[in-house]
Amino acid sequence: MRCRMRSNHCRLMHNIGTDIMHDFETLLRESAALHGHLCPGQVLGVRMSLLGLKSIGVDDPKGRDRKSIMVFVEMDRCATDAVQSVTGCSLGKRTMKFMDYGKMAATFLNLRTGRAVRIVAREEARNIARECFPAVTDPYAAQVEAYKIMPDAELFSAADVHVVVRPEDMPGRPLSRVPCARCGEYVQDRREQKIDGDLLCRPCALGGYYRILDGDRYAE
């Protein structure tokens, strides 16, 4: 099993574009440095990103193609940091969108061509990892090593998808900025809600994740 798996790893290293795949281990180290440690999710995220970039025809995500890519991540877990590390996409750049689905999945979109692919980690990859390295007693350590060399088809399912990005979700300057009629705080990029003719922020209109206790501590 190991010999066959390492042969697949050699083919993996050869087939990925040279611009984004200059050194697989370097990408893992960079990802681990951003995340704080190397774990199975990091390896999955790096592999997922490389497959996604190749599938949508992006060779240089941090260079000449940096304005051509957007990624939708469906989990706030380790793999998301790896996706950010490899692709250069981030929430602050508005090129990474967090979809709170709780799935180990991400969609890679070429903004220039419209081509998009959604990649999902296969649950059965965990069992295959243990079979690849039966002598490794720590299941996480086995997953780290196996995920480095398993073929894409054993790690992921992948499907071409159609993604519509609204103008207010694109990178660039805010398209709008309006005050909430209730709290007075400003809302950008058409996130306001119209309730009984008033424009309200989402917390005021729908309820938020926080509850104000004592008001503005800096108010006179």
C-alpha atoms as a PDB file:
ATOM      1  CA  MET A   1       0.000   0.000   0.000  1.00  0.00           C
ATOM      2  CA  ARG A   2       2.695   2.507   0.972  1.00  0.00           C
ATOM      3  CA  CYS A   3       4.675   2.061  -2.248  1.00  0.00           C
ATOM      4  CA  ARG A   4       1.579   2.558  -4.366  1.00  0.00           C
ATOM      5  CA  MET A   5       0.559   5.561  -2.320  1.00  0.00           C
ATOM      6  CA  ARG A   6       3.972   7.186  -2.627  1.00  0.00           C
ATOM      7  CA  SER A   7       3.834   6.673  -6.381  1.00  0.00           C
ATOM      8  CA  ASN A   8       0.524   8.552  -6.398  1.00  0.00           C
ATOM      9  CA  HIS A   9       2.216  11.306  -4.403  1.00  0.00           C
ATOM     10  CA  CYS A  10       4.915  11.642  -7.051  1.00  0.00           C
ATOM     11  CA  ARG A  11       2.246  12.002  -9.725  1.00  0.00           C
ATOM     12  CA  LEU A  12       0.480  14.591  -7.594  1.00  0.00           C
ATOM     13  CA  MET A  13       3.641  16.647  -7.263  1.00  0.00           C
ATOM     14  CA  HIS A  14       4.268  16.448 -11.003  1.00  0.00           C
ATOM     15  CA  ASN A  15       0.779  17.353 -12.210  1.00  0.00           C
ATOM     16  CA  ILE A  16       0.067  20.464 -10.136  1.00  0.00           C
ATOM     17  CA  GLY A  17       1.067  23.772 -11.743  1.00  0.00           C
ATOM     18  CA  THR A  18       4.603  24.873 -10.960  1.00  0.00           C
ATOM     19  CA  ASP A  19       3.578  28.408  -9.944  1.00  0.00           C
ATOM     20  CA  ILE A  20       1.435  27.271  -7.017  1.00  0.00           C
ATOM     21  CA  MET A  21       3.145  23.944  -6.340  1.00  0.00           C
ATOM     22  CA  HIS A  22       6.791  24.963  -6.026  1.00  0.00           C
ATOM     23  CA  ASP A  23       7.144  22.869  -2.881  1.00  0.00           C
ATOM     24  CA  PHE A  24       4.302  20.994  -1.211  1.00  0.00           C
ATOM     25  CA  GLU A  25       6.101  20.818   2.124  1.00  0.00           C
ATOM     26  CA  THR A  26       6.741  24.568   1.983  1.00  0.00           C
ATOM     27  CA  LEU A  27       3.026  25.201   1.545  1.00  0.00           C
ATOM     28  CA  LEU A  28       2.327  22.975   4.536  1.00  0.00           C
ATOM     29  CA  ARG A  29       4.874  24.839   6.656  1.00  0.00           C
ATOM     30  CA  GLU A  30       3.438  28.210   5.660  1.00  0.00           C
ATOM     31  CA  SER A  31      -0.055  27.003   6.462  1.00  0.00           C
ATOM     32  CA  ALA A  32       1.004  25.573   9.817  1.00  0.00           C
ATOM     33  CA  ALA A  33       2.757  28.840  10.670  1.00  0.00           C
ATOM     34  CA  LEU A  34      -0.455  30.779  10.026  1.00  0.00           C
ATOM     35  CA  HIS A  35      -2.598  28.280  11.926  1.00  0.00           C
ATOM     36  CA  GLY A  36      -0.189  27.560  14.777  1.00  0.00           C
ATOM     37  CA  HIS A  37       0.421  23.846  14.207  1.00  0.00           C
ATOM     38  CA  LEU A  38       0.251  21.133  11.562  1.00  0.00           C
ATOM     39  CA  CYS A  39      -2.830  18.927  11.737  1.00  0.00           C
ATOM     40  CA  PRO A  40      -4.968  16.790   9.405  1.00  0.00           C
ATOM     41  CA  GLY A  41      -7.194  19.754   8.622  1.00  0.00           C
ATOM     42  CA  GLN A  42      -4.189  21.736   7.461  1.00  0.00           C
ATOM     43  CA  VAL A  43      -3.125  19.022   5.046  1.00  0.00           C
ATOM     44  CA  LEU A  44      -6.685  18.660   3.753  1.00  0.00           C
ATOM     45  CA  GLY A  45      -6.974  22.417   3.311  1.00  0.00           C
ATOM     46  CA  VAL A  46      -3.725  22.668   1.362  1.00  0.00           C
ATOM     47  CA  ARG A  47      -4.633  19.711  -0.853  1.00  0.00           C
ATOM     48  CA  MET A  48      -8.167  21.037  -1.339  1.00  0.00           C
ATOM     49  CA  SER A  49      -6.831  24.449  -2.339  1.00  0.00           C
ATOM     50  CA  LEU A  50      -4.348  23.050  -4.843  1.00  0.00           C
ATOM     51  CA  LEU A  51      -7.048  20.929  -6.458  1.00  0.00           C
ATOM     52  CA  GLY A  52      -9.487  23.843  -6.515  1.00  0.00           C
ATOM     53  CA  LEU A  53      -7.017  26.295  -8.037  1.00  0.00           C
ATOM     54  CA  LYS A  54      -5.992  23.832 -10.712  1.00  0.00           C
ATOM     55  CA  SER A  55      -9.630  23.028 -11.515  1.00  0.00           C
ATOM     56  CA  ILE A  56     -10.569  26.660 -12.160  1.00  0.00           C
ATOM     57  CA  GLY A  57      -7.407  27.543 -14.059  1.00  0.00           C
ATOM     58  CA  VAL A  58      -5.703  29.743 -11.463  1.00  0.00           C
ATOM     59  CA  ASP A  59      -1.925  29.331 -11.474  1.00  0.00           C
ATOM     60  CA  ASP A  60      -0.741  32.313  -9.424  1.00  0.00           C
ATOM     61  CA  PRO A  61      -3.362  33.180  -6.764  1.00  0.00           C
ATOM     62  CA  LYS A  62      -1.119  35.573  -4.842  1.00  0.00           C
ATOM     63  CA  GLY A  63       0.325  37.234  -7.938  1.00  0.00           C
ATOM     64  CA  ARG A  64      -1.105  37.845 -11.375  1.00  0.00           C
ATOM     65  CA  ASP A  65      -4.354  35.945 -10.614  1.00  0.00           C
ATOM     66  CA  ARG A  66      -5.004  37.534  -7.216  1.00  0.00           C
ATOM     67  CA  LYS A  67      -7.985  39.547  -8.501  1.00  0.00           C
ATOM     68  CA  SER A  68      -9.466  36.560 -10.305  1.00  0.00           C
ATOM     69  CA  ILE A  69     -10.259  34.293  -7.367  1.00  0.00           C
ATOM     70  CA  MET A  70     -12.887  34.035  -4.668  1.00  0.00           C
ATOM     71  CA  VAL A  71     -13.326  31.158  -2.221  1.00  0.00           C
ATOM     72  CA  PHE A  72     -16.414  30.141  -0.265  1.00  0.00           C
ATOM     73  CA  VAL A  73     -15.514  28.095   2.810  1.00  0.00           C
ATOM     74  CA  GLU A  74     -18.197  26.097   4.607  1.00  0.00           C
ATOM     75  CA  MET A  75     -16.396  25.546   7.915  1.00  0.00           C
ATOM     76  CA  ASP A  76     -14.644  27.654  10.545  1.00  0.00           C
ATOM     77  CA  ARG A  77     -12.080  24.960  11.251  1.00  0.00           C
ATOM     78  CA  CYS A  78      -8.390  24.270  10.625  1.00  0.00           C
ATOM     79  CA  ALA A  79      -8.757  23.769   6.881  1.00  0.00           C
ATOM     80  CA  THR A  80      -9.974  27.331   6.419  1.00  0.00           C
ATOM     81  CA  ASP A  81      -6.630  28.724   7.574  1.00  0.00           C
ATOM     82  CA  ALA A  82      -4.912  26.451   5.068  1.00  0.00           C
ATOM     83  CA  VAL A  83      -7.172  27.681   2.273  1.00  0.00           C
ATOM     84  CA  GLN A  84      -6.307  31.273   3.185  1.00  0.00           C
ATOM     85  CA  SER A  85      -2.597  30.476   3.307  1.00  0.00           C
ATOM     86  CA  VAL A  86      -2.474  28.814  -0.111  1.00  0.00           C
ATOM     87  CA  THR A  87      -4.896  31.047  -2.021  1.00  0.00           C
ATOM     88  CA  GLY A  88      -4.178  34.388  -0.389  1.00  0.00           C
ATOM     89  CA  CYS A  89      -7.937  34.931  -0.045  1.00  0.00           C
ATOM     90  CA  SER A  90      -9.228  36.451   3.182  1.00  0.00           C
ATOM     91  CA  LEU A  91     -12.311  37.992   4.748  1.00  0.00           C
ATOM     92  CA  GLY A  92     -10.604  41.375   4.880  1.00  0.00           C
ATOM     93  CA  LYS A  93      -9.956  41.319   1.148  1.00  0.00           C
ATOM     94  CA  ARG A  94     -13.560  40.171   0.568  1.00  0.00           C
ATOM     95  CA  THR A  95     -12.192  37.297  -1.493  1.00  0.00           C
ATOM     96  CA  MET A  96     -13.096  34.675   1.121  1.00  0.00           C
ATOM     97  CA  LYS A  97     -16.730  34.138   2.069  1.00  0.00           C
ATOM     98  CA  PHE A  98     -17.703  32.168   5.168  1.00  0.00           C
ATOM     99  CA  MET A  99     -20.803  30.034   4.686  1.00  0.00           C
ATOM    100  CA  ASP A 100     -21.702  28.564   8.080  1.00  0.00           C
ATOM    101  CA  TYR A 101     -22.716  25.085   6.856  1.00  0.00           C
ATOM    102  CA  GLY A 102     -20.475  23.046   9.165  1.00  0.00           C
ATOM    103  CA  LYS A 103     -19.102  21.040   6.228  1.00  0.00           C
ATOM    104  CA  MET A 104     -15.504  20.279   5.304  1.00  0.00           C
ATOM    105  CA  ALA A 105     -16.024  21.845   1.913  1.00  0.00           C
ATOM    106  CA  ALA A 106     -15.044  24.877  -0.145  1.00  0.00           C
ATOM    107  CA  THR A 107     -15.936  26.338  -3.511  1.00  0.00           C
ATOM    108  CA  PHE A 108     -13.258  27.963  -5.650  1.00  0.00           C
ATOM    109  CA  LEU A 109     -14.454  30.564  -8.157  1.00  0.00           C
ATOM    110  CA  ASN A 110     -12.551  32.121 -11.050  1.00  0.00           C
ATOM    111  CA  LEU A 111     -14.067  35.608 -11.203  1.00  0.00           C
ATOM    112  CA  ARG A 112     -12.669  36.204 -14.661  1.00  0.00           C
ATOM    113  CA  THR A 113     -14.102  33.108 -16.351  1.00  0.00           C
ATOM    114  CA  GLY A 114     -16.974  32.246 -14.014  1.00  0.00           C
ATOM    115  CA  ARG A 115     -15.718  28.698 -13.634  1.00  0.00           C
ATOM    116  CA  ALA A 116     -16.259  27.262 -10.151  1.00  0.00           C
ATOM    117  CA  VAL A 117     -15.704  23.931  -8.434  1.00  0.00           C
ATOM    118  CA  ARG A 118     -17.000  22.760  -5.055  1.00  0.00           C
ATOM    119  CA  ILE A 119     -14.722  20.307  -3.253  1.00  0.00           C
ATOM    120  CA  VAL A 120     -15.850  18.192  -0.290  1.00  0.00           C
ATOM    121  CA  ALA A 121     -13.606  16.061   1.922  1.00  0.00           C
ATOM    122  CA  ARG A 122     -14.664  12.416   1.906  1.00  0.00           C
ATOM    123  CA  GLU A 123     -15.520  11.029   5.333  1.00  0.00           C
ATOM    124  CA  GLU A 124     -14.137   7.615   4.401  1.00  0.00           C
ATOM    125  CA  ALA A 125     -10.667   9.147   3.964  1.00  0.00           C
ATOM    126  CA  ARG A 126     -10.247   8.812   7.740  1.00  0.00           C
ATOM    127  CA  ASN A 127     -10.481   5.026   7.532  1.00  0.00           C
ATOM    128  CA  ILE A 128      -8.213   4.852   4.507  1.00  0.00           C
ATOM    129  CA  ALA A 129      -5.615   6.862   6.418  1.00  0.00           C
ATOM    130  CA  ARG A 130      -5.551   4.268   9.188  1.00  0.00           C
ATOM    131  CA  GLU A 131      -5.156   1.493   6.625  1.00  0.00           C
ATOM    132  CA  CYS A 132      -2.234   3.309   5.007  1.00  0.00           C
ATOM    133  CA  PHE A 133      -0.313   3.617   8.265  1.00  0.00           C
ATOM    134  CA  PRO A 134      -1.519   0.807  10.557  1.00  0.00           C
ATOM    135  CA  ALA A 135       1.624   1.006  12.695  1.00  0.00           C
ATOM    136  CA  VAL A 136       0.906   4.620  13.656  1.00  0.00           C
ATOM    137  CA  THR A 137      -1.161   4.478  16.830  1.00  0.00           C
ATOM    138  CA  ASP A 138      -2.121   8.150  16.862  1.00  0.00           C
ATOM    139  CA  PRO A 139      -5.013   8.480  14.363  1.00  0.00           C
ATOM    140  CA  TYR A 140      -4.292  12.170  13.787  1.00  0.00           C
ATOM    141  CA  ALA A 141      -0.657  11.477  12.975  1.00  0.00           C
ATOM    142  CA  ALA A 142      -1.755   8.765  10.541  1.00  0.00           C
ATOM    143  CA  GLN A 143      -4.155  11.178   8.879  1.00  0.00           C
ATOM    144  CA  VAL A 144      -1.475  13.849   8.504  1.00  0.00           C
ATOM    145  CA  GLU A 145       0.867  11.454   6.688  1.00  0.00           C
ATOM    146  CA  ALA A 146      -1.832   9.719   4.639  1.00  0.00           C
ATOM    147  CA  TYR A 147      -3.518  12.923   3.512  1.00  0.00           C
ATOM    148  CA  LYS A 148      -0.199  14.078   2.086  1.00  0.00           C
ATOM    149  CA  ILE A 149      -0.049  11.151  -0.342  1.00  0.00           C
ATOM    150  CA  MET A 150      -3.596   9.893  -0.945  1.00  0.00           C
ATOM    151  CA  PRO A 151      -4.963  10.474  -4.465  1.00  0.00           C
ATOM    152  CA  ASP A 152      -7.397  13.369  -4.858  1.00  0.00           C
ATOM    153  CA  ALA A 153     -10.213  10.954  -5.725  1.00  0.00           C
ATOM    154  CA  GLU A 154      -9.839   9.210  -2.342  1.00  0.00           C
ATOM    155  CA  LEU A 155      -9.647  12.470  -0.404  1.00  0.00           C
ATOM    156  CA  PHE A 156     -12.349  14.510  -2.101  1.00  0.00           C
ATOM    157  CA  SER A 157     -15.463  14.646  -4.193  1.00  0.00           C
ATOM    158  CA  ALA A 158     -15.530  17.532  -6.662  1.00  0.00           C
ATOM    159  CA  ALA A 159     -18.302  19.044  -8.759  1.00  0.00           C
ATOM    160  CA  ASP A 160     -18.483  21.952 -11.168  1.00  0.00           C
ATOM    161  CA  VAL A 161     -20.981  24.495  -9.819  1.00  0.00           C
ATOM    162  CA  HIS A 162     -22.515  27.824 -10.780  1.00  0.00           C
ATOM    163  CA  VAL A 163     -22.008  30.683  -8.330  1.00  0.00           C
ATOM    164  CA  VAL A 164     -23.646  34.100  -8.548  1.00  0.00           C
ATOM    165  CA  VAL A 165     -21.822  36.851  -6.662  1.00  0.00           C
ATOM    166  CA  ARG A 166     -23.889  39.936  -5.917  1.00  0.00           C
ATOM    167  CA  PRO A 167     -22.297  43.328  -6.652  1.00  0.00           C
ATOM    168  CA  GLU A 168     -22.348  44.191  -2.933  1.00  0.00           C
ATOM    169  CA  ASP A 169     -20.315  41.054  -2.176  1.00  0.00           C
ATOM    170  CA  MET A 170     -17.488  41.845  -4.569  1.00  0.00           C
ATOM    171  CA  PRO A 171     -14.100  43.211  -3.457  1.00  0.00           C
ATOM    172  CA  GLY A 172     -13.652  46.961  -3.663  1.00  0.00           C
ATOM    173  CA  ARG A 173     -15.101  50.021  -2.010  1.00  0.00           C
ATOM    174  CA  PRO A 174     -18.483  49.768  -0.245  1.00  0.00           C
ATOM    175  CA  LEU A 175     -21.424  50.261  -2.586  1.00  0.00           C
ATOM    176  CA  SER A 176     -23.556  51.829   0.115  1.00  0.00           C
ATOM    177  CA  ARG A 177     -23.387  53.156   3.668  1.00  0.00           C
ATOM    178  CA  VAL A 178     -26.557  54.019   5.581  1.00  0.00           C
ATOM    179  CA  PRO A 179     -27.361  54.675   9.259  1.00  0.00           C
ATOM    180  CA  CYS A 180     -29.623  52.366  11.195  1.00  0.00           C
ATOM    181  CA  ALA A 181     -32.809  54.234  12.118  1.00  0.00           C
ATOM    182  CA  ARG A 182     -32.813  52.643  15.569  1.00  0.00           C
ATOM    183  CA  CYS A 183     -29.242  52.453  16.902  1.00  0.00           C
ATOM    184  CA  GLY A 184     -27.611  54.992  14.573  1.00  0.00           C
ATOM    185  CA  GLU A 185     -24.721  52.714  13.631  1.00  0.00           C
ATOM    186  CA  TYR A 186     -23.797  52.664   9.954  1.00  0.00           C
ATOM    187  CA  VAL A 187     -24.379  49.639   7.739  1.00  0.00           C
ATOM    188  CA  GLN A 188     -22.315  48.972   4.606  1.00  0.00           C
ATOM    189  CA  ASP A 189     -22.868  47.011   1.412  1.00  0.00           C
ATOM    190  CA  ARG A 190     -26.657  46.747   1.468  1.00  0.00           C
ATOM    191  CA  ARG A 191     -26.815  44.660   4.635  1.00  0.00           C
ATOM    192  CA  GLU A 192     -29.604  46.836   6.045  1.00  0.00           C
ATOM    193  CA  GLN A 193     -33.153  45.542   6.509  1.00  0.00           C
ATOM    194  CA  LYS A 194     -36.242  47.564   5.624  1.00  0.00           C
ATOM    195  CA  ILE A 195     -38.832  47.213   8.388  1.00  0.00           C
ATOM    196  CA  ASP A 196     -42.059  49.294   8.277  1.00  0.00           C
ATOM    197  CA  GLY A 197     -40.316  51.812   6.060  1.00  0.00           C
ATOM    198  CA  ASP A 198     -37.253  52.163   8.293  1.00  0.00           C
ATOM    199  CA  LEU A 199     -33.762  51.009   7.395  1.00  0.00           C
ATOM    200  CA  LEU A 200     -32.396  48.945  10.264  1.00  0.00           C
ATOM    201  CA  CYS A 201     -29.198  47.020  10.871  1.00  0.00           C
ATOM    202  CA  ARG A 202     -29.646  43.285  11.180  1.00  0.00           C
ATOM    203  CA  PRO A 203     -29.178  43.172  14.988  1.00  0.00           C
ATOM    204  CA  CYS A 204     -31.900  45.764  15.456  1.00  0.00           C
ATOM    205  CA  ALA A 205     -34.198  44.160  12.910  1.00  0.00           C
ATOM    206  CA  LEU A 206     -33.628  40.477  13.584  1.00  0.00           C
ATOM    207  CA  GLY A 207     -31.679  40.240  16.833  1.00  0.00           C
ATOM    208  CA  GLY A 208     -27.925  39.917  17.168  1.00  0.00           C
ATOM    209  CA  TYR A 209     -25.350  37.674  18.825  1.00  0.00           C
ATOM    210  CA  TYR A 210     -24.682  40.274  21.543  1.00  0.00           C
ATOM    211  CA  ARG A 211     -26.716  42.091  24.221  1.00  0.00           C
ATOM    212  CA  ILE A 212     -25.650  45.587  25.230  1.00  0.00           C
ATOM    213  CA  LEU A 213     -25.329  45.855  29.004  1.00  0.00           C
ATOM    214  CA  ASP A 214     -24.478  49.438  29.955  1.00  0.00           C
ATOM    215  CA  GLY A 215     -24.454  51.448  26.747  1.00  0.00           C
ATOM    216  CA  ASP A 216     -21.521  53.325  25.245  1.00  0.00           C
ATOM    217  CA  ARG A 217     -18.788  53.612  27.884  1.00  0.00           C
ATOM    218  CA  TYR A 218     -17.386  56.678  26.104  1.00  0.00           C
ATOM    219  CA  ALA A 219     -20.692  58.550  25.872  1.00  0.00           C
ATOM    220  CA  GLU A 220     -20.774  61.847  27.738  1.00  0.00           C
END
